[in-house]
Amino acid sequence: MIINGQAAKPHRLVRVGDEIEIHRPLGRKQLITVLGLADSHIPRADARLLYEDRTPKPTQEEIEIRRLERLYRAAATPPTRPDRDMRRTLRRLKRGE
């Protein structure tokens, strides 16, 4: 994360007007300008009013790369453990019933 051109740690205090650059996967950078601060926790909808997202829209190529990455991750996840009915069916098949 970079605040006003300088590297920053998560606990760094921000002020109104600060420009934040957040590094995302696949080399994307999210650019945010702080418009206001809250003293306590507020709902997400209200929090969105406290910053301006100046990130450029992704290109069609980036959208396609993200889609392919999601498909790859979904296919690479290990299968889930069989439930009770499936385990019983597998046992029957092994016994030859």
Protein backbone atom coordinates (compact mmCIF):
# COMPACT_ATOMS: atom_id res chain seq x y z
CA MET A 1 0.00 0.00 0.00
CA ILE A 2 1.28 3.45 -0.89
CA ILE A 3 -0.04 6.67 0.65
CA ASN A 4 0.87 9.96 -1.05
CA GLY A 5 3.73 8.27 -2.91
CA GLN A 6 5.32 6.68 0.17
CA ALA A 7 5.18 3.03 1.25
CA ALA A 8 2.87 2.57 4.23
CA LYS A 9 1.93 -0.12 6.71
CA PRO A 10 -1.73 -0.94 7.53
CA HIS A 11 -1.71 0.99 10.83
CA ARG A 12 -0.68 4.25 9.17
CA LEU A 13 -3.04 7.14 9.93
CA VAL A 14 -4.70 8.77 6.95
CA ARG A 15 -6.06 12.28 6.52
CA VAL A 16 -8.64 13.86 4.26
CA GLY A 17 -7.09 14.40 0.84
CA ASP A 18 -4.60 11.50 1.06
CA GLU A 19 -4.18 9.46 -2.09
CA ILE A 20 -3.90 5.71 -1.51
CA GLU A 21 -2.61 3.16 -4.01
CA ILE A 22 -3.53 -0.45 -3.24
CA HIS A 23 -1.80 -3.25 -5.16
CA ARG A 24 -4.19 -5.99 -6.31
CA PRO A 25 -3.53 -9.40 -7.92
CA LEU A 26 -2.41 -9.58 -11.55
CA GLY A 27 -0.63 -6.22 -11.31
CA ARG A 28 -3.80 -4.13 -10.88
CA LYS A 29 -3.58 -0.97 -8.79
CA GLN A 30 -6.58 0.58 -7.05
CA LEU A 31 -6.38 4.36 -6.68
CA ILE A 32 -8.39 5.97 -3.88
CA THR A 33 -8.71 9.54 -2.59
CA VAL A 34 -9.86 10.01 1.03
CA LEU A 35 -12.82 12.42 1.21
CA GLY A 36 -13.69 12.04 4.89
CA LEU A 37 -13.04 10.09 8.08
CA ALA A 38 -15.30 8.32 10.56
CA ASP A 39 -14.69 8.13 14.30
CA SER A 40 -16.47 4.81 14.69
CA HIS A 41 -17.69 1.85 12.64
CA ILE A 42 -20.29 2.81 10.04
CA PRO A 43 -22.30 0.77 7.49
CA ARG A 44 -20.60 -0.09 4.22
CA ALA A 45 -22.94 2.13 2.18
CA ASP A 46 -22.03 5.14 4.32
CA ALA A 47 -18.32 4.29 4.20
CA ARG A 48 -18.37 4.42 0.39
CA LEU A 49 -19.18 8.12 0.65
CA LEU A 50 -15.89 8.73 2.49
CA TYR A 51 -13.63 7.92 -0.46
CA GLU A 52 -13.44 8.35 -4.22
CA ASP A 53 -12.31 5.37 -6.27
CA ARG A 54 -10.28 6.68 -9.23
CA THR A 55 -9.24 3.25 -10.53
CA PRO A 56 -9.47 3.01 -14.32
CA LYS A 57 -11.96 0.49 -15.70
CA PRO A 58 -10.40 -2.91 -16.57
CA THR A 59 -9.77 -3.68 -20.23
CA GLN A 60 -11.54 -6.55 -21.99
CA GLU A 61 -8.27 -8.50 -21.88
CA GLU A 62 -8.04 -8.11 -18.08
CA ILE A 63 -11.67 -9.19 -17.67
CA GLU A 64 -11.00 -12.33 -19.75
CA ILE A 65 -7.83 -13.13 -17.76
CA ARG A 66 -9.77 -12.88 -14.48
CA ARG A 67 -12.51 -15.13 -15.84
CA LEU A 68 -9.99 -17.76 -16.91
CA GLU A 69 -8.24 -17.56 -13.53
CA ARG A 70 -11.56 -18.13 -11.70
CA LEU A 71 -12.26 -21.16 -13.90
CA TYR A 72 -8.79 -22.55 -13.26
CA ARG A 73 -9.10 -22.10 -9.49
CA ALA A 74 -12.52 -23.76 -9.48
CA ALA A 75 -11.16 -26.76 -11.39
CA ALA A 76 -8.03 -26.99 -9.22
CA THR A 77 -9.86 -27.19 -5.89
CA PRO A 78 -9.83 -30.68 -4.43
CA PRO A 79 -13.10 -32.61 -4.46
CA THR A 80 -15.22 -32.45 -1.34
CA ARG A 81 -15.50 -35.35 1.08
CA PRO A 82 -18.34 -37.79 0.22
CA ASP A 83 -21.46 -37.46 2.34
CA ARG A 84 -23.06 -40.35 4.26
CA ASP A 85 -25.17 -41.63 1.36
CA MET A 86 -22.23 -41.56 -1.04
CA ARG A 87 -20.01 -43.45 1.47
CA ARG A 88 -22.68 -46.15 1.84
CA THR A 89 -22.99 -46.45 -1.92
CA LEU A 90 -19.21 -46.76 -2.27
CA ARG A 91 -19.10 -49.49 0.42
CA ARG A 92 -21.81 -51.45 -1.39
CA LEU A 93 -19.93 -51.18 -4.66
CA LYS A 94 -16.71 -52.42 -3.04
CA ARG A 95 -18.48 -55.42 -1.49
CA GLY A 96 -20.14 -56.24 -4.81
CA GLU A 97 -23.72 -55.92 -3.62
